[in-house]
Amino acid sequence: MTLAEVSEQQLDTHPALGWSRGETDMAKQRVNWLRTMGLVEKRGDEYALTNDGFRFVESAVEK
């Protein structure tokens, strides 16, 4: 997903975040935080879950 897509997805699923639509600063902070944990990797101008990221999401959904 691009930063714009991450931002829109987060606002669509968590409107309480209160981010401004069209602004990607908060999405950039979020994906960079996930990158530091090895859960997301950058591929060109898009971000994708790593294998560890997929396992984390699956575990979180199960709980």
C-alpha atoms as a PDB file:
ATOM      1  CA  MET A   1       0.000   0.000   0.000  1.00  0.00           C
ATOM      2  CA  THR A   2       1.124   3.560  -0.576  1.00  0.00           C
ATOM      3  CA  LEU A   3       1.159   6.038   2.307  1.00  0.00           C
ATOM      4  CA  ALA A   4      -2.067   7.559   0.981  1.00  0.00           C
ATOM      5  CA  GLU A   5      -3.701   4.108   0.940  1.00  0.00           C
ATOM      6  CA  VAL A   6      -2.467   3.352   4.465  1.00  0.00           C
ATOM      7  CA  SER A   7      -3.860   6.675   5.675  1.00  0.00           C
ATOM      8  CA  GLU A   8      -7.255   6.102   4.036  1.00  0.00           C
ATOM      9  CA  GLN A   9      -7.459   2.515   5.308  1.00  0.00           C
ATOM     10  CA  GLN A  10      -6.684   3.613   8.865  1.00  0.00           C
ATOM     11  CA  LEU A  11      -9.262   6.416   8.742  1.00  0.00           C
ATOM     12  CA  ASP A  12     -11.889   4.106   7.255  1.00  0.00           C
ATOM     13  CA  THR A  13     -11.383   1.466   9.966  1.00  0.00           C
ATOM     14  CA  HIS A  14     -10.482   3.755  12.898  1.00  0.00           C
ATOM     15  CA  PRO A  15     -12.184   7.146  12.403  1.00  0.00           C
ATOM     16  CA  ALA A  16     -11.407   8.084  16.010  1.00  0.00           C
ATOM     17  CA  LEU A  17      -7.783   8.615  14.951  1.00  0.00           C
ATOM     18  CA  GLY A  18      -8.847  12.033  13.750  1.00  0.00           C
ATOM     19  CA  TRP A  19      -6.241  12.236  10.998  1.00  0.00           C
ATOM     20  CA  SER A  20      -6.884  14.737   8.232  1.00  0.00           C
ATOM     21  CA  ARG A  21      -7.737  13.066   4.947  1.00  0.00           C
ATOM     22  CA  GLY A  22      -5.065  13.658   2.359  1.00  0.00           C
ATOM     23  CA  GLU A  23      -2.345  14.177   4.972  1.00  0.00           C
ATOM     24  CA  THR A  24       0.026  11.212   5.194  1.00  0.00           C
ATOM     25  CA  ASP A  25       2.342  12.317   8.017  1.00  0.00           C
ATOM     26  CA  MET A  26       0.665  10.104  10.619  1.00  0.00           C
ATOM     27  CA  ALA A  27       0.562   7.128   8.252  1.00  0.00           C
ATOM     28  CA  LYS A  28       4.266   7.621   7.545  1.00  0.00           C
ATOM     29  CA  GLN A  29       5.027   7.601  11.276  1.00  0.00           C
ATOM     30  CA  ARG A  30       2.973   4.449  11.710  1.00  0.00           C
ATOM     31  CA  VAL A  31       4.598   2.495   8.869  1.00  0.00           C
ATOM     32  CA  ASN A  32       8.069   3.610   9.942  1.00  0.00           C
ATOM     33  CA  TRP A  33       7.323   2.403  13.492  1.00  0.00           C
ATOM     34  CA  LEU A  34       6.211  -0.963  12.080  1.00  0.00           C
ATOM     35  CA  ARG A  35       9.358  -1.085   9.925  1.00  0.00           C
ATOM     36  CA  THR A  36      11.552  -0.686  13.035  1.00  0.00           C
ATOM     37  CA  MET A  37       9.878  -3.797  14.440  1.00  0.00           C
ATOM     38  CA  GLY A  38      10.403  -5.747  11.217  1.00  0.00           C
ATOM     39  CA  LEU A  39       6.665  -6.057  10.533  1.00  0.00           C
ATOM     40  CA  VAL A  40       6.571  -3.906   7.396  1.00  0.00           C
ATOM     41  CA  GLU A  41       9.033  -3.360   4.572  1.00  0.00           C
ATOM     42  CA  LYS A  42       9.222  -0.628   1.968  1.00  0.00           C
ATOM     43  CA  ARG A  43       9.094  -1.677  -1.685  1.00  0.00           C
ATOM     44  CA  GLY A  44       9.588   1.370  -3.877  1.00  0.00           C
ATOM     45  CA  ASP A  45       6.816   3.756  -2.874  1.00  0.00           C
ATOM     46  CA  GLU A  46       4.687   1.039  -1.281  1.00  0.00           C
ATOM     47  CA  TYR A  47       4.727  -0.717   2.079  1.00  0.00           C
ATOM     48  CA  ALA A  48       3.975  -4.385   2.648  1.00  0.00           C
ATOM     49  CA  LEU A  49       3.805  -6.758   5.589  1.00  0.00           C
ATOM     50  CA  THR A  50       6.811  -8.994   6.103  1.00  0.00           C
ATOM     51  CA  ASN A  51       6.371 -12.663   7.027  1.00  0.00           C
ATOM     52  CA  ASP A  52       6.647 -11.602  10.686  1.00  0.00           C
ATOM     53  CA  GLY A  53       4.043  -8.930   9.981  1.00  0.00           C
ATOM     54  CA  PHE A  54       1.616 -11.501   8.577  1.00  0.00           C
ATOM     55  CA  ARG A  55       2.133 -13.733  11.625  1.00  0.00           C
ATOM     56  CA  PHE A  56       1.570 -10.760  13.953  1.00  0.00           C
ATOM     57  CA  VAL A  57      -1.684  -9.844  12.195  1.00  0.00           C
ATOM     58  CA  GLU A  58      -2.922 -13.449  12.218  1.00  0.00           C
ATOM     59  CA  SER A  59      -2.157 -13.734  15.937  1.00  0.00           C
ATOM     60  CA  ALA A  60      -3.867 -10.426  16.714  1.00  0.00           C
ATOM     61  CA  VAL A  61      -6.991 -11.421  14.766  1.00  0.00           C
ATOM     62  CA  GLU A  62      -7.184 -14.768  16.567  1.00  0.00           C
ATOM     63  CA  LYS A  63      -7.054 -13.048  19.957  1.00  0.00           C
END
